[in-house]
């Protein structure tokens, strides 16, 4: 299948802004990450079975943490809500593709 790269925002760990605390214009609050770029592929555009397995593990792990930390179930996990994130230009050497669960606007449940 042909790869469909999309350029969508991403978190860039090297680009940080500091927001002043309330009532203080000189002391920075915690750093905020600026969103720059992410290249994604559809789940069906995996390169090999190893990549597919890793992407699925990433998404399952994220969903598990979402449930454990916030008691939220996604409610609509399917091939359209799982994506493959490609490392962006300038990423650390050895950066790998990662899987993610997207579209939290659909049905979800609190337990």
Foldseek 3Di string as FASTA:
>chain_A
DDWDWDWDWDFDPVDWDFDDDVPDPPDTDDIDTDTDTWIKTFLVPDPDVVRNVQQVVQAVVVQVCCCVVQQKHQPDDDSVQKMWIQDDPPDDPPDGIYIHGDDSVDDMDHD
